[in-house]
N, C-alpha and C. Protein backbone atom coordinates (compact mmCIF):
# COMPACT_ATOMS: atom_id res chain seq x y z
N MET A 1 5.52 -44.19 41.63
CA MET A 1 6.17 -44.36 40.28
C MET A 1 7.06 -45.59 40.25
N LYS A 2 7.22 -46.05 38.97
CA LYS A 2 8.15 -47.20 38.79
C LYS A 2 9.22 -46.69 37.69
N LEU A 3 10.49 -46.97 37.99
CA LEU A 3 11.55 -46.77 36.94
C LEU A 3 12.09 -48.01 36.50
N TYR A 4 11.87 -48.23 35.22
CA TYR A 4 12.42 -49.58 34.65
C TYR A 4 13.78 -49.25 34.14
N TYR A 5 14.80 -50.06 34.66
CA TYR A 5 16.30 -49.69 34.45
C TYR A 5 17.04 -51.01 34.21
N SER A 6 18.31 -50.66 33.73
CA SER A 6 19.18 -51.59 33.60
C SER A 6 20.56 -51.07 34.19
N PRO A 7 21.25 -51.78 34.86
CA PRO A 7 22.59 -51.21 35.71
C PRO A 7 23.44 -50.56 34.69
N GLY A 8 23.78 -49.30 35.10
CA GLY A 8 24.73 -48.59 34.29
C GLY A 8 24.50 -48.08 32.96
N SER A 9 23.17 -48.41 32.62
CA SER A 9 22.88 -47.97 31.30
C SER A 9 22.37 -46.43 31.37
N CYS A 10 21.76 -45.97 30.29
CA CYS A 10 21.23 -44.59 30.23
C CYS A 10 20.21 -44.30 31.31
N SER A 11 19.59 -45.46 31.79
CA SER A 11 18.54 -45.18 32.77
C SER A 11 19.23 -44.74 34.18
N LEU A 12 20.51 -44.82 34.36
CA LEU A 12 21.18 -44.30 35.40
C LEU A 12 20.89 -42.82 35.60
N SER A 13 20.67 -42.10 34.60
CA SER A 13 20.43 -40.65 34.66
C SER A 13 19.11 -40.41 35.39
N PRO A 14 17.89 -40.93 34.91
CA PRO A 14 16.84 -40.69 35.62
C PRO A 14 16.74 -41.29 37.00
N HIS A 15 17.53 -42.46 37.29
CA HIS A 15 17.56 -42.91 38.56
C HIS A 15 18.24 -41.92 39.55
N ILE A 16 19.34 -41.28 39.14
CA ILE A 16 20.03 -40.27 39.90
C ILE A 16 19.01 -39.04 40.22
N VAL A 17 18.36 -38.55 39.09
CA VAL A 17 17.44 -37.39 39.26
C VAL A 17 16.38 -37.68 40.11
N LEU A 18 15.74 -38.94 40.16
CA LEU A 18 14.63 -39.28 41.07
C LEU A 18 15.08 -39.23 42.47
N ARG A 19 16.41 -39.66 42.82
CA ARG A 19 16.87 -39.73 44.09
C ARG A 19 17.25 -38.26 44.59
N GLU A 20 17.87 -37.47 43.54
CA GLU A 20 18.13 -35.92 43.87
C GLU A 20 16.71 -35.23 44.15
N ALA A 21 15.73 -35.67 43.59
CA ALA A 21 14.41 -35.01 43.69
C ALA A 21 13.70 -35.48 45.03
N GLY A 22 14.13 -36.63 45.55
CA GLY A 22 13.44 -37.06 46.80
C GLY A 22 12.10 -37.62 46.57
N LEU A 23 11.76 -38.03 45.35
CA LEU A 23 10.55 -38.62 45.10
C LEU A 23 10.63 -40.08 45.37
N GLU A 24 9.41 -40.64 45.77
CA GLU A 24 9.28 -41.99 46.01
C GLU A 24 9.07 -42.75 44.71
N PHE A 25 9.80 -43.84 44.49
CA PHE A 25 9.68 -44.69 43.27
C PHE A 25 10.15 -46.07 43.51
N THR A 26 9.77 -46.97 42.79
CA THR A 26 10.18 -48.37 42.76
C THR A 26 11.07 -48.71 41.57
N PRO A 27 12.31 -49.04 41.86
CA PRO A 27 13.20 -49.40 40.63
C PRO A 27 12.81 -50.83 40.24
N VAL A 28 12.66 -51.11 39.00
CA VAL A 28 12.26 -52.36 38.45
C VAL A 28 13.40 -52.83 37.35
N LEU A 29 14.02 -53.88 37.71
CA LEU A 29 15.22 -54.27 36.88
C LEU A 29 14.63 -55.00 35.49
N ALA A 30 15.12 -54.39 34.34
CA ALA A 30 14.81 -54.92 33.03
C ALA A 30 16.02 -55.41 32.40
N SER A 31 16.14 -56.65 31.88
CA SER A 31 17.32 -57.11 31.25
C SER A 31 17.30 -56.71 29.78
N LEU A 32 18.44 -56.04 29.34
CA LEU A 32 18.53 -55.68 27.93
C LEU A 32 18.89 -56.75 27.02
N SER A 33 19.30 -57.86 27.66
CA SER A 33 19.71 -59.08 26.74
C SER A 33 18.49 -59.98 26.57
N THR A 34 17.59 -60.19 27.61
CA THR A 34 16.54 -61.17 27.52
C THR A 34 15.29 -60.41 27.28
N HIS A 35 15.32 -59.05 27.57
CA HIS A 35 13.99 -58.14 27.62
C HIS A 35 13.03 -58.79 28.46
N LYS A 36 13.44 -59.26 29.57
CA LYS A 36 12.53 -59.76 30.65
C LYS A 36 12.85 -59.24 32.01
N LEU A 37 11.76 -59.02 32.85
CA LEU A 37 11.80 -58.55 34.11
C LEU A 37 12.34 -59.76 35.07
N GLN A 38 12.71 -59.41 36.34
CA GLN A 38 13.09 -60.59 37.27
C GLN A 38 12.07 -61.53 37.48
N ASP A 39 10.73 -61.22 37.33
CA ASP A 39 9.56 -62.21 37.50
C ASP A 39 9.32 -62.99 36.40
N GLY A 40 10.09 -62.68 35.12
CA GLY A 40 9.85 -63.43 33.98
C GLY A 40 8.87 -62.68 32.97
N THR A 41 8.35 -61.45 33.44
CA THR A 41 7.40 -60.74 32.44
C THR A 41 8.19 -60.23 31.27
N ASP A 42 7.65 -60.45 30.09
CA ASP A 42 8.19 -59.89 28.85
C ASP A 42 8.21 -58.35 28.86
N PHE A 43 9.34 -57.83 28.89
CA PHE A 43 9.46 -56.38 29.04
C PHE A 43 8.80 -55.58 27.76
N TYR A 44 8.73 -56.39 26.70
CA TYR A 44 8.08 -55.82 25.52
C TYR A 44 6.59 -55.62 25.68
N SER A 45 6.08 -56.36 26.57
CA SER A 45 4.54 -56.07 27.02
C SER A 45 4.31 -54.80 27.85
N ILE A 46 5.40 -54.23 28.22
CA ILE A 46 5.34 -53.00 28.90
C ILE A 46 5.96 -51.78 28.06
N SER A 47 6.97 -52.11 27.41
CA SER A 47 7.60 -51.16 26.52
C SER A 47 7.77 -51.67 25.07
N ALA A 48 7.20 -50.92 24.12
CA ALA A 48 7.18 -51.33 22.76
C ALA A 48 8.62 -51.54 22.23
N THR A 49 9.47 -50.69 22.74
CA THR A 49 10.81 -50.90 22.24
C THR A 49 11.73 -51.74 23.01
N GLY A 50 11.21 -52.05 24.20
CA GLY A 50 12.10 -53.01 24.99
C GLY A 50 13.30 -52.31 25.66
N MET A 51 13.32 -51.04 25.61
CA MET A 51 14.41 -50.17 26.03
C MET A 51 14.09 -49.46 27.36
N VAL A 52 15.20 -49.31 28.04
CA VAL A 52 15.19 -48.52 29.33
C VAL A 52 15.79 -47.03 28.89
N PRO A 53 15.52 -46.08 29.78
CA PRO A 53 14.64 -46.07 30.88
C PRO A 53 13.18 -45.92 30.47
N LEU A 54 12.19 -46.36 31.35
CA LEU A 54 10.89 -46.06 31.19
C LEU A 54 10.31 -45.76 32.49
N LEU A 55 9.58 -44.65 32.62
CA LEU A 55 8.96 -44.35 33.98
C LEU A 55 7.53 -44.38 33.85
N GLU A 56 6.95 -45.21 34.75
CA GLU A 56 5.56 -45.38 34.94
C GLU A 56 4.99 -44.59 36.08
N LEU A 57 4.05 -43.68 35.78
CA LEU A 57 3.44 -42.68 36.56
C LEU A 57 2.38 -43.49 37.44
N PRO A 58 2.03 -42.74 38.54
CA PRO A 58 1.06 -43.31 39.44
C PRO A 58 -0.43 -43.67 38.75
N ASN A 59 -0.64 -42.98 37.77
CA ASN A 59 -2.00 -43.18 37.02
C ASN A 59 -1.80 -44.23 35.90
N GLY A 60 -0.60 -44.90 35.86
CA GLY A 60 -0.30 -45.94 34.85
C GLY A 60 0.18 -45.53 33.51
N GLU A 61 0.20 -44.10 33.27
CA GLU A 61 0.81 -43.71 32.09
C GLU A 61 2.31 -43.92 32.10
N ARG A 62 2.77 -44.09 31.04
CA ARG A 62 4.39 -44.42 30.86
C ARG A 62 5.04 -43.36 29.93
N LEU A 63 6.18 -43.02 30.45
CA LEU A 63 6.93 -42.09 29.64
C LEU A 63 8.34 -42.68 29.31
N SER A 64 8.88 -42.59 28.14
CA SER A 64 10.14 -43.17 27.58
C SER A 64 11.13 -41.91 27.17
N GLU A 65 12.33 -42.34 26.94
CA GLU A 65 13.43 -41.42 26.53
C GLU A 65 13.83 -40.68 27.58
N GLY A 66 15.12 -40.89 28.05
CA GLY A 66 15.66 -40.33 29.21
C GLY A 66 15.64 -38.82 29.31
N PRO A 67 15.95 -37.92 28.33
CA PRO A 67 15.88 -36.44 28.41
C PRO A 67 14.50 -36.06 28.70
N ALA A 68 13.37 -36.70 28.19
CA ALA A 68 12.00 -36.38 28.44
C ALA A 68 11.78 -36.68 29.95
N ILE A 69 12.12 -37.96 30.34
CA ILE A 69 11.86 -38.38 31.89
C ILE A 69 12.41 -37.46 32.87
N ILE A 70 13.80 -37.15 32.52
CA ILE A 70 14.43 -36.30 33.65
C ILE A 70 13.68 -34.78 33.75
N GLN A 71 13.31 -34.27 32.70
CA GLN A 71 12.66 -33.03 32.75
C GLN A 71 11.32 -33.19 33.43
N TYR A 72 10.56 -34.18 33.14
CA TYR A 72 9.39 -34.45 33.89
C TYR A 72 9.64 -34.58 35.38
N ILE A 73 10.61 -35.27 35.79
CA ILE A 73 11.01 -35.41 37.30
C ILE A 73 11.36 -34.10 37.84
N ALA A 74 12.10 -33.44 37.23
CA ALA A 74 12.56 -32.13 37.61
C ALA A 74 11.33 -30.99 37.91
N ASP A 75 10.37 -31.14 36.90
CA ASP A 75 9.37 -30.28 36.94
C ASP A 75 8.31 -30.64 38.06
N GLN A 76 8.35 -31.77 38.68
CA GLN A 76 7.57 -32.21 39.74
C GLN A 76 8.14 -31.46 41.11
N VAL A 77 9.32 -31.15 41.22
CA VAL A 77 9.89 -30.57 42.39
C VAL A 77 10.62 -29.24 42.03
N PRO A 78 10.02 -28.22 41.56
CA PRO A 78 10.68 -27.01 41.11
C PRO A 78 11.60 -26.43 42.18
N GLY A 79 11.30 -26.72 43.50
CA GLY A 79 11.94 -26.15 44.56
C GLY A 79 13.42 -26.83 44.64
N LYS A 80 13.61 -27.91 44.07
CA LYS A 80 14.92 -28.56 43.98
C LYS A 80 15.88 -28.04 42.95
N ARG A 81 15.32 -27.16 42.13
CA ARG A 81 16.10 -26.51 41.08
C ARG A 81 17.00 -27.45 40.24
N LEU A 82 16.31 -28.55 39.93
CA LEU A 82 17.12 -29.45 39.01
C LEU A 82 16.96 -29.12 37.51
N ALA A 83 16.04 -28.21 37.36
CA ALA A 83 15.89 -27.69 35.89
C ALA A 83 15.28 -26.31 36.12
N PRO A 84 15.73 -25.26 35.23
CA PRO A 84 15.12 -24.05 35.26
C PRO A 84 13.54 -24.12 34.73
N ALA A 85 12.90 -22.94 35.03
CA ALA A 85 11.45 -22.99 34.71
C ALA A 85 11.36 -23.10 33.23
N ASN A 86 10.20 -23.71 32.82
CA ASN A 86 9.92 -23.78 31.39
C ASN A 86 9.69 -22.35 30.77
N GLY A 87 10.17 -22.07 29.58
CA GLY A 87 9.91 -20.80 28.96
C GLY A 87 11.04 -19.85 29.24
N THR A 88 11.98 -20.12 30.06
CA THR A 88 13.13 -19.25 30.34
C THR A 88 14.28 -19.63 29.48
N MET A 89 15.17 -18.65 29.21
CA MET A 89 16.30 -18.93 28.35
C MET A 89 17.18 -19.98 29.13
N GLU A 90 17.24 -20.07 30.45
CA GLU A 90 18.08 -20.99 31.01
C GLU A 90 17.63 -22.40 30.76
N ARG A 91 16.19 -22.56 30.70
CA ARG A 91 15.59 -23.85 30.28
C ARG A 91 16.07 -24.31 28.86
N TYR A 92 16.10 -23.29 27.94
CA TYR A 92 16.50 -23.69 26.67
C TYR A 92 17.98 -24.06 26.55
N ARG A 93 18.81 -23.54 27.52
CA ARG A 93 20.09 -23.85 27.59
C ARG A 93 20.32 -25.43 28.03
N VAL A 94 19.37 -25.68 29.01
CA VAL A 94 19.36 -27.12 29.38
C VAL A 94 19.05 -27.98 28.29
N LEU A 95 17.91 -27.57 27.50
CA LEU A 95 17.52 -28.33 26.32
C LEU A 95 18.61 -28.53 25.33
N GLU A 96 19.37 -27.48 25.15
CA GLU A 96 20.49 -27.52 24.12
C GLU A 96 21.57 -28.53 24.68
N ALA A 97 21.94 -28.49 25.94
CA ALA A 97 22.90 -29.47 26.53
C ALA A 97 22.29 -30.96 26.39
N LEU A 98 21.05 -31.09 26.65
CA LEU A 98 20.47 -32.48 26.73
C LEU A 98 20.49 -33.02 25.23
N ASN A 99 20.12 -32.04 24.20
CA ASN A 99 20.14 -32.56 22.82
C ASN A 99 21.51 -32.90 22.35
N PHE A 100 22.54 -32.09 22.84
CA PHE A 100 23.87 -32.45 22.39
C PHE A 100 24.24 -33.72 23.00
N ILE A 101 24.08 -33.94 24.22
CA ILE A 101 24.54 -35.27 24.86
C ILE A 101 23.83 -36.50 24.19
N THR A 102 22.49 -36.34 23.96
CA THR A 102 21.79 -37.43 23.36
C THR A 102 22.18 -37.73 22.00
N SER A 103 22.31 -36.73 21.15
CA SER A 103 22.66 -36.92 19.71
C SER A 103 24.03 -37.03 19.30
N GLU A 104 24.84 -36.45 20.02
CA GLU A 104 26.37 -36.21 19.63
C GLU A 104 27.25 -37.27 20.45
N ILE A 105 26.75 -37.54 21.69
CA ILE A 105 27.51 -38.31 22.67
C ILE A 105 26.81 -39.66 22.85
N HIS A 106 25.87 -39.87 23.39
CA HIS A 106 25.04 -41.05 23.64
C HIS A 106 25.12 -41.93 22.52
N LYS A 107 24.51 -41.46 21.40
CA LYS A 107 24.27 -42.32 20.26
C LYS A 107 25.56 -42.63 19.53
N SER A 108 26.81 -41.91 19.68
CA SER A 108 28.00 -42.14 19.12
C SER A 108 28.71 -43.30 19.90
N TYR A 109 28.26 -43.68 20.99
CA TYR A 109 28.66 -44.80 21.71
C TYR A 109 28.32 -46.10 21.06
N SER A 110 27.13 -46.21 20.57
CA SER A 110 26.45 -47.36 20.04
C SER A 110 27.39 -48.18 19.17
N PRO A 111 28.04 -47.83 18.20
CA PRO A 111 28.94 -48.56 17.40
C PRO A 111 30.05 -49.29 18.22
N LEU A 112 30.52 -48.65 19.19
CA LEU A 112 31.56 -49.11 20.07
C LEU A 112 31.24 -50.37 20.82
N PHE A 113 29.96 -50.58 21.06
CA PHE A 113 29.42 -51.74 21.80
C PHE A 113 28.95 -52.71 20.87
N ASN A 114 29.03 -52.50 19.56
CA ASN A 114 28.56 -53.44 18.51
C ASN A 114 29.59 -54.43 17.92
N PRO A 115 29.65 -55.58 18.29
CA PRO A 115 30.62 -56.47 17.71
C PRO A 115 30.63 -56.62 16.20
N ALA A 116 29.80 -56.24 15.46
CA ALA A 116 29.66 -56.31 14.05
C ALA A 116 30.31 -55.12 13.45
N ILE A 117 30.61 -54.05 14.19
CA ILE A 117 31.49 -52.98 13.66
C ILE A 117 32.93 -53.16 13.73
N ASP A 118 33.64 -52.92 12.63
CA ASP A 118 35.01 -53.21 12.58
C ASP A 118 35.85 -52.17 13.43
N ASP A 119 37.06 -52.61 13.60
CA ASP A 119 37.95 -51.61 14.48
C ASP A 119 38.13 -50.29 13.87
N GLY A 120 38.25 -50.25 12.54
CA GLY A 120 38.59 -49.10 11.85
C GLY A 120 37.38 -48.12 12.07
N ALA A 121 36.24 -48.56 11.92
CA ALA A 121 35.04 -47.63 12.10
C ALA A 121 34.90 -47.27 13.58
N LYS A 122 35.31 -48.13 14.48
CA LYS A 122 35.27 -47.72 15.82
C LYS A 122 36.25 -46.67 16.24
N ALA A 123 37.40 -46.76 15.56
CA ALA A 123 38.42 -45.77 15.73
C ALA A 123 37.85 -44.20 15.46
N VAL A 124 37.05 -44.39 14.35
CA VAL A 124 36.51 -43.03 13.82
C VAL A 124 35.44 -42.55 14.85
N TYR A 125 34.61 -43.44 15.54
CA TYR A 125 33.74 -42.93 16.48
C TYR A 125 34.46 -42.61 17.78
N ARG A 126 35.55 -43.24 18.05
CA ARG A 126 36.42 -42.74 19.27
C ARG A 126 36.93 -41.42 19.04
N THR A 127 37.36 -41.09 17.86
CA THR A 127 37.92 -39.81 17.53
C THR A 127 36.78 -38.75 17.70
N LYS A 128 35.65 -39.02 17.16
CA LYS A 128 34.50 -38.11 17.19
C LYS A 128 34.08 -37.85 18.63
N LEU A 129 33.94 -38.99 19.41
CA LEU A 129 33.56 -38.77 20.69
C LEU A 129 34.58 -37.95 21.66
N ARG A 130 35.83 -38.21 21.33
CA ARG A 130 36.89 -37.53 22.03
C ARG A 130 36.66 -35.98 21.80
N ARG A 131 36.48 -35.55 20.62
CA ARG A 131 36.20 -34.24 20.26
C ARG A 131 35.03 -33.53 20.92
N HIS A 132 34.03 -34.32 21.04
CA HIS A 132 32.82 -33.85 21.82
C HIS A 132 33.23 -33.54 23.14
N PHE A 133 33.87 -34.58 23.84
CA PHE A 133 34.24 -34.46 25.19
C PHE A 133 35.15 -33.30 25.50
N GLU A 134 35.98 -33.01 24.46
CA GLU A 134 36.88 -31.90 24.61
C GLU A 134 36.08 -30.69 24.65
N LEU A 135 35.05 -30.53 23.92
CA LEU A 135 34.09 -29.30 23.99
C LEU A 135 33.57 -29.23 25.40
N ILE A 136 33.12 -30.41 25.91
CA ILE A 136 32.47 -30.25 27.19
C ILE A 136 33.60 -29.84 28.11
N ASP A 137 34.75 -30.45 28.15
CA ASP A 137 35.72 -30.07 29.00
C ASP A 137 36.09 -28.52 29.05
N ARG A 138 36.00 -27.97 27.89
CA ARG A 138 36.27 -26.51 27.78
C ARG A 138 35.16 -25.75 28.49
N LYS A 139 33.91 -26.27 28.32
CA LYS A 139 32.76 -25.54 28.98
C LYS A 139 32.88 -25.68 30.48
N LEU A 140 33.37 -26.90 30.97
CA LEU A 140 33.50 -27.04 32.48
C LEU A 140 34.73 -26.20 33.03
N GLN A 141 35.48 -25.81 32.23
CA GLN A 141 36.55 -25.09 32.67
C GLN A 141 36.17 -23.74 33.31
N THR A 142 34.91 -23.40 32.87
CA THR A 142 34.39 -21.95 33.44
C THR A 142 33.34 -22.23 34.52
N GLY A 143 33.00 -23.44 34.93
CA GLY A 143 32.05 -23.61 35.90
C GLY A 143 31.92 -25.10 36.52
N ASN A 144 31.49 -25.32 37.54
CA ASN A 144 31.41 -26.64 38.16
C ASN A 144 30.36 -27.49 37.45
N TYR A 145 29.36 -27.01 36.75
CA TYR A 145 28.16 -27.67 36.24
C TYR A 145 28.11 -27.37 34.80
N LEU A 146 27.51 -28.17 34.11
CA LEU A 146 27.16 -27.99 32.66
C LEU A 146 26.41 -26.80 32.23
N VAL A 147 25.27 -26.66 33.05
CA VAL A 147 24.47 -25.47 32.89
C VAL A 147 24.20 -24.72 34.09
N GLY A 148 24.52 -23.48 34.25
CA GLY A 148 24.20 -22.82 35.58
C GLY A 148 25.20 -22.99 36.57
N ASP A 149 24.84 -22.66 37.79
CA ASP A 149 25.63 -22.68 38.98
C ASP A 149 25.25 -23.84 40.00
N ASN A 150 24.15 -24.61 39.56
CA ASN A 150 23.89 -25.71 40.44
C ASN A 150 23.73 -27.03 39.60
N PHE A 151 23.85 -28.11 40.41
CA PHE A 151 23.66 -29.43 39.82
C PHE A 151 22.24 -29.53 39.14
N GLY A 152 22.23 -30.17 37.99
CA GLY A 152 20.96 -30.14 37.35
C GLY A 152 20.74 -31.44 36.48
N ILE A 153 19.86 -31.50 35.88
CA ILE A 153 19.47 -32.83 34.94
C ILE A 153 20.51 -33.16 33.94
N ALA A 154 21.07 -32.01 33.40
CA ALA A 154 22.06 -32.25 32.33
C ALA A 154 23.27 -32.84 32.88
N ASP A 155 23.66 -32.51 34.15
CA ASP A 155 24.79 -33.04 34.77
C ASP A 155 24.70 -34.52 35.02
N ALA A 156 23.44 -34.96 35.46
CA ALA A 156 23.11 -36.41 35.64
C ALA A 156 23.38 -37.25 34.31
N TYR A 157 22.94 -36.62 33.20
CA TYR A 157 23.06 -37.28 31.95
C TYR A 157 24.50 -37.35 31.56
N LEU A 158 25.10 -36.11 31.64
CA LEU A 158 26.55 -36.14 31.26
C LEU A 158 27.48 -37.16 32.12
N PHE A 159 27.19 -37.18 33.37
CA PHE A 159 27.91 -38.10 34.28
C PHE A 159 27.56 -39.57 33.83
N THR A 160 26.38 -39.87 33.41
CA THR A 160 26.14 -41.24 33.03
C THR A 160 26.84 -41.65 31.80
N VAL A 161 26.82 -40.76 30.81
CA VAL A 161 27.47 -41.20 29.51
C VAL A 161 29.03 -41.03 29.70
N THR A 162 29.60 -40.23 30.52
CA THR A 162 30.93 -40.22 30.58
C THR A 162 31.60 -41.62 31.30
N ARG A 163 30.71 -42.20 32.14
CA ARG A 163 31.18 -43.27 32.82
C ARG A 163 31.35 -44.44 31.95
N TRP A 164 30.81 -44.48 30.60
CA TRP A 164 31.03 -45.45 29.66
C TRP A 164 32.23 -45.56 29.04
N ALA A 165 33.10 -44.51 29.21
CA ALA A 165 34.25 -44.34 28.48
C ALA A 165 35.22 -45.48 28.55
N PRO A 166 35.50 -45.99 29.84
CA PRO A 166 36.40 -47.11 29.85
C PRO A 166 35.92 -48.36 29.21
N PHE A 167 34.65 -48.71 29.25
CA PHE A 167 34.13 -49.85 28.56
C PHE A 167 34.20 -49.81 27.23
N ALA A 168 34.16 -48.52 26.60
CA ALA A 168 34.31 -48.39 25.18
C ALA A 168 35.75 -48.17 24.81
N GLN A 169 36.66 -48.31 25.63
CA GLN A 169 38.18 -48.12 25.36
C GLN A 169 38.30 -46.51 24.77
N LEU A 170 37.55 -45.63 25.31
CA LEU A 170 37.64 -44.34 24.92
C LEU A 170 38.59 -43.50 25.89
N ASP A 171 39.74 -43.07 25.38
CA ASP A 171 40.74 -42.34 26.18
C ASP A 171 40.24 -40.80 26.34
N LEU A 172 39.98 -40.54 27.69
CA LEU A 172 39.53 -39.21 28.00
C LEU A 172 40.67 -38.40 28.85
N GLY A 173 41.91 -39.13 28.64
CA GLY A 173 43.05 -38.46 29.47
C GLY A 173 43.35 -37.10 29.13
N GLY A 174 43.67 -36.27 30.08
CA GLY A 174 44.11 -34.94 29.82
C GLY A 174 42.93 -33.91 29.90
N LEU A 175 41.75 -34.44 30.11
CA LEU A 175 40.53 -33.60 30.12
C LEU A 175 40.21 -33.38 31.56
N GLY A 176 41.03 -32.55 32.23
CA GLY A 176 41.15 -32.24 33.61
C GLY A 176 39.68 -31.84 34.18
N ALA A 177 39.00 -30.82 33.55
CA ALA A 177 37.87 -30.29 34.08
C ALA A 177 36.77 -31.36 34.06
N LEU A 178 36.74 -32.21 32.98
CA LEU A 178 35.81 -33.26 32.88
C LEU A 178 36.01 -34.32 34.06
N GLY A 179 37.33 -34.55 34.19
CA GLY A 179 37.59 -35.52 35.27
C GLY A 179 37.12 -35.10 36.64
N ALA A 180 37.43 -33.78 36.90
CA ALA A 180 36.98 -33.23 38.12
C ALA A 180 35.32 -33.18 38.37
N PHE A 181 34.81 -32.96 37.36
CA PHE A 181 33.38 -32.92 37.23
C PHE A 181 32.84 -34.35 37.61
N VAL A 182 33.32 -35.48 36.97
CA VAL A 182 32.89 -36.74 37.27
C VAL A 182 33.09 -37.10 38.76
N LYS A 183 34.26 -36.76 39.36
CA LYS A 183 34.46 -37.08 40.78
C LYS A 183 33.47 -36.29 41.63
N ARG A 184 33.32 -34.95 41.18
CA ARG A 184 32.47 -34.12 42.07
C ARG A 184 30.99 -34.67 42.05
N ILE A 185 30.49 -35.18 40.84
CA ILE A 185 29.09 -35.69 40.82
C ILE A 185 28.97 -37.00 41.52
N GLU A 186 30.08 -37.85 41.38
CA GLU A 186 30.02 -39.25 41.82
C GLU A 186 29.93 -39.18 43.48
N PHE A 187 30.36 -38.33 44.08
CA PHE A 187 30.19 -38.27 45.45
C PHE A 187 29.09 -37.41 46.07
N ARG A 188 28.18 -37.17 45.28
CA ARG A 188 26.97 -36.45 45.73
C ARG A 188 26.10 -37.77 46.41
N PRO A 189 25.43 -37.40 47.45
CA PRO A 189 24.83 -38.71 48.14
C PRO A 189 23.72 -39.35 47.25
N ALA A 190 23.01 -38.54 46.60
CA ALA A 190 21.99 -39.20 45.68
C ALA A 190 22.53 -40.08 44.60
N VAL A 191 23.71 -39.63 44.16
CA VAL A 191 24.44 -40.42 43.13
C VAL A 191 25.03 -41.71 43.70
N GLN A 192 25.63 -41.49 44.82
CA GLN A 192 26.08 -42.62 45.51
C GLN A 192 25.01 -43.67 45.80
N ALA A 193 23.77 -43.29 46.26
CA ALA A 193 22.62 -44.14 46.46
C ALA A 193 22.27 -44.73 45.17
N ALA A 194 22.24 -44.12 44.16
CA ALA A 194 21.86 -44.71 42.75
C ALA A 194 22.90 -45.65 42.35
N LEU A 195 24.22 -45.43 42.50
CA LEU A 195 25.22 -46.29 42.06
C LEU A 195 25.10 -47.64 42.85
N LYS A 196 24.91 -47.55 44.17
CA LYS A 196 24.82 -48.78 45.09
C LYS A 196 23.62 -49.44 44.76
N ALA A 197 22.56 -48.82 44.59
CA ALA A 197 21.30 -49.50 44.26
C ALA A 197 21.48 -50.34 43.02
N GLU A 198 22.16 -49.91 42.05
CA GLU A 198 22.53 -50.67 40.74
C GLU A 198 23.65 -51.58 40.82
N GLY A 199 24.18 -51.74 41.96
CA GLY A 199 25.34 -52.57 42.10
C GLY A 199 26.55 -52.21 41.38
N LEU A 200 26.69 -50.89 41.12
CA LEU A 200 27.85 -50.34 40.48
C LEU A 200 29.05 -49.99 41.26
N ILE A 201 28.83 -49.80 42.58
CA ILE A 201 29.81 -49.61 43.59
C ILE A 201 29.48 -50.51 44.94
N GLY A 202 30.33 -50.71 45.56
CA GLY A 202 30.10 -51.54 46.98
C GLY A 202 29.47 -50.66 47.99
């Protein structure tokens, strides 16, 4: 498999999950500014949106959208328990968490990285994001992981989007359970390997 990624972006989530799964894959760096690969290939010739993550399967088929990709990866290695079995209530809880992260948190960051958006509007989005993270913090006060008793795909996605807070000037101070979660996830061996591979830590 190939994972097309950009360092620190939302593609970090499937990168982490691939390493947690122990599956063989080739990471392929795709620039989100030039939309080119390191060899000069036009990324649009591979992905119609020019966006990461994109997972290329051994048969050449390609899968986009992070929440779909990480579920696909988890389902390849059910013994790793990265996601509950399809059709169970526990799986729907994971879907619930993934949808909340992608629609309410992930997309709410976009205006904060847009130089065309004025400071007043950005303040509104920061307030909105803070409230969403407060909900997550309350959830994490009752357990170490977002869904269930084990590390799973929703945790990889939450870890990824939470890491963006300093770059977006989003204050998450006082959210102790969330802070402890980030530290707990960061020191998992697979997470460390992904962060090092993307040049995000030394």
